[in-house]
Amino acid sequence: MDLKEVMATNLRRARHDRNLTQEDLADKAGLSARYVGAIERGAVSASVTVLGQIAEALNISPGQLLEKPKS
């Protein structure tokens, strides 16, 4: 699993845990819902700046979005 996929999985899980739609998260992070969806699908790589915006919107550390799942 590459880092883009790890972030996609962690982002989707964190968003669902907070009962947020992609639109809700996009609004809180100052991003478009289409871009958030593309990140969740692993279709695009998020910049460090966007990683920070998303983490702040989810109230988690950026590192949590990049942690590989424990086997």
PDB file of N, CA and C in Angstrom:
ATOM      1  N   MET A   1       0.859  -1.172   0.000  1.00  0.00           N
ATOM      2  CA  MET A   1       0.000   0.000   0.000  1.00  0.00           C
ATOM      3  C   MET A   1       0.908   1.239   0.000  1.00  0.00           C
ATOM      4  N   ASP A   2       0.741   2.099  -1.023  1.00  0.00           N
ATOM      5  CA  ASP A   2       1.574   3.300  -1.063  1.00  0.00           C
ATOM      6  C   ASP A   2       0.968   4.389  -0.177  1.00  0.00           C
ATOM      7  N   LEU A   3       1.731   5.444   0.025  1.00  0.00           N
ATOM      8  CA  LEU A   3       1.329   6.487   0.966  1.00  0.00           C
ATOM      9  C   LEU A   3       0.039   7.183   0.552  1.00  0.00           C
ATOM     10  N   LYS A   4      -0.181   7.314  -0.752  1.00  0.00           N
ATOM     11  CA  LYS A   4      -1.418   7.929  -1.249  1.00  0.00           C
ATOM     12  C   LYS A   4      -2.625   7.081  -0.843  1.00  0.00           C
ATOM     13  N   GLU A   5      -2.485   5.760  -0.936  1.00  0.00           N
ATOM     14  CA  GLU A   5      -3.577   4.855  -0.542  1.00  0.00           C
ATOM     15  C   GLU A   5      -3.780   4.868   0.966  1.00  0.00           C
ATOM     16  N   VAL A   6      -2.688   4.935   1.710  1.00  0.00           N
ATOM     17  CA  VAL A   6      -2.775   5.000   3.171  1.00  0.00           C
ATOM     18  C   VAL A   6      -3.552   6.246   3.586  1.00  0.00           C
ATOM     19  N   MET A   7      -3.196   7.383   2.985  1.00  0.00           N
ATOM     20  CA  MET A   7      -3.894   8.618   3.326  1.00  0.00           C
ATOM     21  C   MET A   7      -5.362   8.540   2.932  1.00  0.00           C
ATOM     22  N   ALA A   8      -5.648   7.974   1.773  1.00  0.00           N
ATOM     23  CA  ALA A   8      -7.034   7.843   1.321  1.00  0.00           C
ATOM     24  C   ALA A   8      -7.857   7.038   2.316  1.00  0.00           C
ATOM     25  N   THR A   9      -7.315   5.912   2.745  1.00  0.00           N
ATOM     26  CA  THR A   9      -8.006   5.042   3.699  1.00  0.00           C
ATOM     27  C   THR A   9      -8.208   5.743   5.040  1.00  0.00           C
ATOM     28  N   ASN A  10      -7.147   6.375   5.545  1.00  0.00           N
ATOM     29  CA  ASN A  10      -7.237   7.048   6.838  1.00  0.00           C
ATOM     30  C   ASN A  10      -8.175   8.249   6.790  1.00  0.00           C
ATOM     31  N   LEU A  11      -8.155   8.972   5.689  1.00  0.00           N
ATOM     32  CA  LEU A  11      -9.041  10.121   5.535  1.00  0.00           C
ATOM     33  C   LEU A  11     -10.499   9.678   5.540  1.00  0.00           C
ATOM     34  N   ARG A  12     -10.798   8.668   4.759  1.00  0.00           N
ATOM     35  CA  ARG A  12     -12.174   8.163   4.683  1.00  0.00           C
ATOM     36  C   ARG A  12     -12.642   7.684   6.059  1.00  0.00           C
ATOM     37  N   ARG A  13     -11.785   6.949   6.757  1.00  0.00           N
ATOM     38  CA  ARG A  13     -12.141   6.429   8.082  1.00  0.00           C
ATOM     39  C   ARG A  13     -12.371   7.576   9.067  1.00  0.00           C
ATOM     40  N   ALA A  14     -11.471   8.544   9.079  1.00  0.00           N
ATOM     41  CA  ALA A  14     -11.599   9.670  10.015  1.00  0.00           C
ATOM     42  C   ALA A  14     -12.853  10.484   9.715  1.00  0.00           C
ATOM     43  N   ARG A  15     -13.150  10.679   8.444  1.00  0.00           N
ATOM     44  CA  ARG A  15     -14.354  11.432   8.066  1.00  0.00           C
ATOM     45  C   ARG A  15     -15.610  10.695   8.491  1.00  0.00           C
ATOM     46  N   HIS A  16     -15.636   9.389   8.240  1.00  0.00           N
ATOM     47  CA  HIS A  16     -16.806   8.600   8.647  1.00  0.00           C
ATOM     48  C   HIS A  16     -16.967   8.569  10.162  1.00  0.00           C
ATOM     49  N   ASP A  17     -15.851   8.463  10.895  1.00  0.00           N
ATOM     50  CA  ASP A  17     -15.905   8.448  12.356  1.00  0.00           C
ATOM     51  C   ASP A  17     -16.545   9.713  12.914  1.00  0.00           C
ATOM     52  N   ARG A  18     -16.437  10.802  12.166  1.00  0.00           N
ATOM     53  CA  ARG A  18     -16.989  12.075  12.606  1.00  0.00           C
ATOM     54  C   ARG A  18     -18.335  12.382  11.951  1.00  0.00           C
ATOM     55  N   ASN A  19     -18.870  11.396  11.240  1.00  0.00           N
ATOM     56  CA  ASN A  19     -20.158  11.542  10.553  1.00  0.00           C
ATOM     57  C   ASN A  19     -20.209  12.778   9.649  1.00  0.00           C
ATOM     58  N   LEU A  20     -19.126  12.984   8.909  1.00  0.00           N
ATOM     59  CA  LEU A  20     -19.055  14.100   7.974  1.00  0.00           C
ATOM     60  C   LEU A  20     -19.198  13.580   6.548  1.00  0.00           C
ATOM     61  N   THR A  21     -19.880  14.336   5.728  1.00  0.00           N
ATOM     62  CA  THR A  21     -19.897  14.031   4.296  1.00  0.00           C
ATOM     63  C   THR A  21     -18.630  14.637   3.684  1.00  0.00           C
ATOM     64  N   GLN A  22     -18.345  14.257   2.449  1.00  0.00           N
ATOM     65  CA  GLN A  22     -17.219  14.876   1.757  1.00  0.00           C
ATOM     66  C   GLN A  22     -17.442  16.384   1.638  1.00  0.00           C
ATOM     67  N   GLU A  23     -18.674  16.777   1.422  1.00  0.00           N
ATOM     68  CA  GLU A  23     -19.005  18.195   1.310  1.00  0.00           C
ATOM     69  C   GLU A  23     -18.761  18.930   2.626  1.00  0.00           C
ATOM     70  N   ASP A  24     -19.158  18.306   3.744  1.00  0.00           N
ATOM     71  CA  ASP A  24     -18.923  18.904   5.064  1.00  0.00           C
ATOM     72  C   ASP A  24     -17.428  19.112   5.297  1.00  0.00           C
ATOM     73  N   LEU A  25     -16.658  18.071   5.038  1.00  0.00           N
ATOM     74  CA  LEU A  25     -15.214  18.148   5.251  1.00  0.00           C
ATOM     75  C   LEU A  25     -14.595  19.192   4.336  1.00  0.00           C
ATOM     76  N   ALA A  26     -14.994  19.187   3.085  1.00  0.00           N
ATOM     77  CA  ALA A  26     -14.456  20.156   2.130  1.00  0.00           C
ATOM     78  C   ALA A  26     -14.718  21.579   2.609  1.00  0.00           C
ATOM     79  N   ASP A  27     -15.919  21.829   3.090  1.00  0.00           N
ATOM     80  CA  ASP A  27     -16.267  23.154   3.579  1.00  0.00           C
ATOM     81  C   ASP A  27     -15.399  23.552   4.766  1.00  0.00           C
ATOM     82  N   LYS A  28     -15.225  22.641   5.707  1.00  0.00           N
ATOM     83  CA  LYS A  28     -14.408  22.921   6.902  1.00  0.00           C
ATOM     84  C   LYS A  28     -12.942  23.132   6.552  1.00  0.00           C
ATOM     85  N   ALA A  29     -12.463  22.444   5.514  1.00  0.00           N
ATOM     86  CA  ALA A  29     -11.046  22.513   5.137  1.00  0.00           C
ATOM     87  C   ALA A  29     -10.765  23.577   4.085  1.00  0.00           C
ATOM     88  N   GLY A  30     -11.818  24.193   3.543  1.00  0.00           N
ATOM     89  CA  GLY A  30     -11.623  25.194   2.512  1.00  0.00           C
ATOM     90  C   GLY A  30     -11.222  24.602   1.170  1.00  0.00           C
ATOM     91  N   LEU A  31     -11.734  23.415   0.886  1.00  0.00           N
ATOM     92  CA  LEU A  31     -11.424  22.704  -0.353  1.00  0.00           C
ATOM     93  C   LEU A  31     -12.710  22.399  -1.104  1.00  0.00           C
ATOM     94  N   SER A  32     -12.588  21.924  -2.323  1.00  0.00           N
ATOM     95  CA  SER A  32     -13.786  21.499  -3.052  1.00  0.00           C
ATOM     96  C   SER A  32     -14.110  20.052  -2.692  1.00  0.00           C
ATOM     97  N   ALA A  33     -15.381  19.735  -2.711  1.00  0.00           N
ATOM     98  CA  ALA A  33     -15.811  18.368  -2.423  1.00  0.00           C
ATOM     99  C   ALA A  33     -15.242  17.407  -3.466  1.00  0.00           C
ATOM    100  N   ARG A  34     -15.137  17.857  -4.700  1.00  0.00           N
ATOM    101  CA  ARG A  34     -14.585  17.024  -5.767  1.00  0.00           C
ATOM    102  C   ARG A  34     -13.125  16.660  -5.468  1.00  0.00           C
ATOM    103  N   TYR A  35     -12.358  17.623  -4.941  1.00  0.00           N
ATOM    104  CA  TYR A  35     -10.954  17.376  -4.606  1.00  0.00           C
ATOM    105  C   TYR A  35     -10.843  16.403  -3.432  1.00  0.00           C
ATOM    106  N   VAL A  36     -11.678  16.591  -2.420  1.00  0.00           N
ATOM    107  CA  VAL A  36     -11.675  15.670  -1.276  1.00  0.00           C
ATOM    108  C   VAL A  36     -11.999  14.253  -1.760  1.00  0.00           C
ATOM    109  N   GLY A  37     -12.979  14.119  -2.640  1.00  0.00           N
ATOM    110  CA  GLY A  37     -13.327  12.808  -3.188  1.00  0.00           C
ATOM    111  C   GLY A  37     -12.171  12.189  -3.949  1.00  0.00           C
ATOM    112  N   ALA A  38     -11.459  13.000  -4.717  1.00  0.00           N
ATOM    113  CA  ALA A  38     -10.313  12.494  -5.484  1.00  0.00           C
ATOM    114  C   ALA A  38      -9.205  12.019  -4.548  1.00  0.00           C
ATOM    115  N   ILE A  39      -8.992  12.728  -3.450  1.00  0.00           N
ATOM    116  CA  ILE A  39      -7.988  12.302  -2.463  1.00  0.00           C
ATOM    117  C   ILE A  39      -8.419  10.975  -1.844  1.00  0.00           C
ATOM    118  N   GLU A  40      -9.686  10.861  -1.483  1.00  0.00           N
ATOM    119  CA  GLU A  40     -10.192   9.618  -0.872  1.00  0.00           C
ATOM    120  C   GLU A  40     -10.117   8.429  -1.826  1.00  0.00           C
ATOM    121  N   ARG A  41     -10.233   8.662  -3.099  1.00  0.00           N
ATOM    122  CA  ARG A  41     -10.118   7.577  -4.078  1.00  0.00           C
ATOM    123  C   ARG A  41      -8.663   7.258  -4.405  1.00  0.00           C
ATOM    124  N   GLY A  42      -7.751   8.092  -3.942  1.00  0.00           N
ATOM    125  CA  GLY A  42      -6.346   7.898  -4.268  1.00  0.00           C
ATOM    126  C   GLY A  42      -6.022   8.331  -5.682  1.00  0.00           C
ATOM    127  N   ALA A  43      -6.884   9.149  -6.274  1.00  0.00           N
ATOM    128  CA  ALA A  43      -6.682   9.601  -7.651  1.00  0.00           C
ATOM    129  C   ALA A  43      -5.676  10.740  -7.730  1.00  0.00           C
ATOM    130  N   VAL A  44      -5.519  11.494  -6.644  1.00  0.00           N
ATOM    131  CA  VAL A  44      -4.558  12.590  -6.597  1.00  0.00           C
ATOM    132  C   VAL A  44      -3.781  12.519  -5.291  1.00  0.00           C
ATOM    133  N   SER A  45      -2.616  13.130  -5.301  1.00  0.00           N
ATOM    134  CA  SER A  45      -1.810  13.242  -4.083  1.00  0.00           C
ATOM    135  C   SER A  45      -2.052  14.622  -3.487  1.00  0.00           C
ATOM    136  N   ALA A  46      -2.281  14.664  -2.204  1.00  0.00           N
ATOM    137  CA  ALA A  46      -2.493  15.931  -1.519  1.00  0.00           C
ATOM    138  C   ALA A  46      -1.145  16.551  -1.167  1.00  0.00           C
ATOM    139  N   SER A  47      -1.056  17.859  -1.299  1.00  0.00           N
ATOM    140  CA  SER A  47       0.157  18.563  -0.886  1.00  0.00           C
ATOM    141  C   SER A  47       0.229  18.589   0.638  1.00  0.00           C
ATOM    142  N   VAL A  48       1.368  18.981   1.153  1.00  0.00           N
ATOM    143  CA  VAL A  48       1.540  19.095   2.599  1.00  0.00           C
ATOM    144  C   VAL A  48       0.566  20.147   3.147  1.00  0.00           C
ATOM    145  N   THR A  49       0.363  21.200   2.404  1.00  0.00           N
ATOM    146  CA  THR A  49      -0.568  22.249   2.829  1.00  0.00           C
ATOM    147  C   THR A  49      -1.982  21.702   2.946  1.00  0.00           C
ATOM    148  N   VAL A  50      -2.410  20.957   1.943  1.00  0.00           N
ATOM    149  CA  VAL A  50      -3.760  20.368   1.956  1.00  0.00           C
ATOM    150  C   VAL A  50      -3.869  19.328   3.069  1.00  0.00           C
ATOM    151  N   LEU A  51      -2.826  18.544   3.267  1.00  0.00           N
ATOM    152  CA  LEU A  51      -2.807  17.578   4.364  1.00  0.00           C
ATOM    153  C   LEU A  51      -3.071  18.296   5.686  1.00  0.00           C
ATOM    154  N   GLY A  52      -2.419  19.428   5.890  1.00  0.00           N
ATOM    155  CA  GLY A  52      -2.624  20.214   7.105  1.00  0.00           C
ATOM    156  C   GLY A  52      -4.036  20.752   7.230  1.00  0.00           C
ATOM    157  N   GLN A  53      -4.594  21.227   6.117  1.00  0.00           N
ATOM    158  CA  GLN A  53      -5.966  21.752   6.139  1.00  0.00           C
ATOM    159  C   GLN A  53      -6.958  20.655   6.502  1.00  0.00           C
ATOM    160  N   ILE A  54      -6.780  19.484   5.929  1.00  0.00           N
ATOM    161  CA  ILE A  54      -7.688  18.373   6.201  1.00  0.00           C
ATOM    162  C   ILE A  54      -7.556  17.917   7.651  1.00  0.00           C
ATOM    163  N   ALA A  55      -6.318  17.777   8.112  1.00  0.00           N
ATOM    164  CA  ALA A  55      -6.098  17.346   9.493  1.00  0.00           C
ATOM    165  C   ALA A  55      -6.724  18.332  10.474  1.00  0.00           C
ATOM    166  N   GLU A  56      -6.548  19.613  10.216  1.00  0.00           N
ATOM    167  CA  GLU A  56      -7.133  20.629  11.098  1.00  0.00           C
ATOM    168  C   GLU A  56      -8.656  20.538  11.091  1.00  0.00           C
ATOM    169  N   ALA A  57      -9.236  20.349   9.919  1.00  0.00           N
ATOM    170  CA  ALA A  57     -10.696  20.238   9.813  1.00  0.00           C
ATOM    171  C   ALA A  57     -11.217  19.011  10.563  1.00  0.00           C
ATOM    172  N   LEU A  58     -10.409  17.945  10.593  1.00  0.00           N
ATOM    173  CA  LEU A  58     -10.810  16.720  11.290  1.00  0.00           C
ATOM    174  C   LEU A  58     -10.380  16.720  12.756  1.00  0.00           C
ATOM    175  N   ASN A  59      -9.630  17.766  13.151  1.00  0.00           N
ATOM    176  CA  ASN A  59      -9.120  17.880  14.521  1.00  0.00           C
ATOM    177  C   ASN A  59      -8.211  16.705  14.890  1.00  0.00           C
ATOM    178  N   ILE A  60      -7.318  16.351  13.964  1.00  0.00           N
ATOM    179  CA  ILE A  60      -6.323  15.312  14.205  1.00  0.00           C
ATOM    180  C   ILE A  60      -4.974  15.830  13.738  1.00  0.00           C
ATOM    181  N   SER A  61      -3.916  15.115  14.080  1.00  0.00           N
ATOM    182  CA  SER A  61      -2.596  15.518  13.601  1.00  0.00           C
ATOM    183  C   SER A  61      -2.405  15.035  12.162  1.00  0.00           C
ATOM    184  N   PRO A  62      -1.653  15.779  11.364  1.00  0.00           N
ATOM    185  CA  PRO A  62      -1.397  15.335   9.994  1.00  0.00           C
ATOM    186  C   PRO A  62      -0.791  13.937   9.933  1.00  0.00           C
ATOM    187  N   GLY A  63       0.028  13.612  10.914  1.00  0.00           N
ATOM    188  CA  GLY A  63       0.659  12.292  10.947  1.00  0.00           C
ATOM    189  C   GLY A  63      -0.331  11.151  11.020  1.00  0.00           C
ATOM    190  N   GLN A  64      -1.477  11.393  11.645  1.00  0.00           N
ATOM    191  CA  GLN A  64      -2.492  10.341  11.743  1.00  0.00           C
ATOM    192  C   GLN A  64      -3.034   9.958  10.374  1.00  0.00           C
ATOM    193  N   LEU A  65      -3.025  10.885   9.445  1.00  0.00           N
ATOM    194  CA  LEU A  65      -3.502  10.583   8.099  1.00  0.00           C
ATOM    195  C   LEU A  65      -2.482   9.770   7.299  1.00  0.00           C
ATOM    196  N   LEU A  66      -1.239   9.743   7.787  1.00  0.00           N
ATOM    197  CA  LEU A  66      -0.178   9.058   7.051  1.00  0.00           C
ATOM    198  C   LEU A  66       0.290   7.757   7.698  1.00  0.00           C
ATOM    199  N   GLU A  67      -0.296   7.409   8.834  1.00  0.00           N
ATOM    200  CA  GLU A  67       0.108   6.170   9.527  1.00  0.00           C
ATOM    201  C   GLU A  67      -0.404   4.943   8.805  1.00  0.00           C
ATOM    202  N   LYS A  68       0.498   4.028   8.524  1.00  0.00           N
ATOM    203  CA  LYS A  68       0.079   2.768   7.898  1.00  0.00           C
ATOM    204  C   LYS A  68      -0.712   1.962   8.910  1.00  0.00           C
ATOM    205  N   PRO A  69      -1.797   1.312   8.469  1.00  0.00           N
ATOM    206  CA  PRO A  69      -2.596   0.489   9.387  1.00  0.00           C
ATOM    207  C   PRO A  69      -1.747  -0.655   9.953  1.00  0.00           C
ATOM    208  N   LYS A  70      -1.990  -0.931  11.202  1.00  0.00           N
ATOM    209  CA  LYS A  70      -1.282  -2.048  11.829  1.00  0.00           C
ATOM    210  C   LYS A  70      -1.860  -3.358  11.347  1.00  0.00           C
ATOM    211  N   SER A  71      -0.998  -4.286  11.023  1.00  0.00           N
ATOM    212  CA  SER A  71      -1.441  -5.585  10.503  1.00  0.00           C
ATOM    213  C   SER A  71      -1.965  -6.490  11.584  1.00  0.00           C
TER     214      SER A  71
END
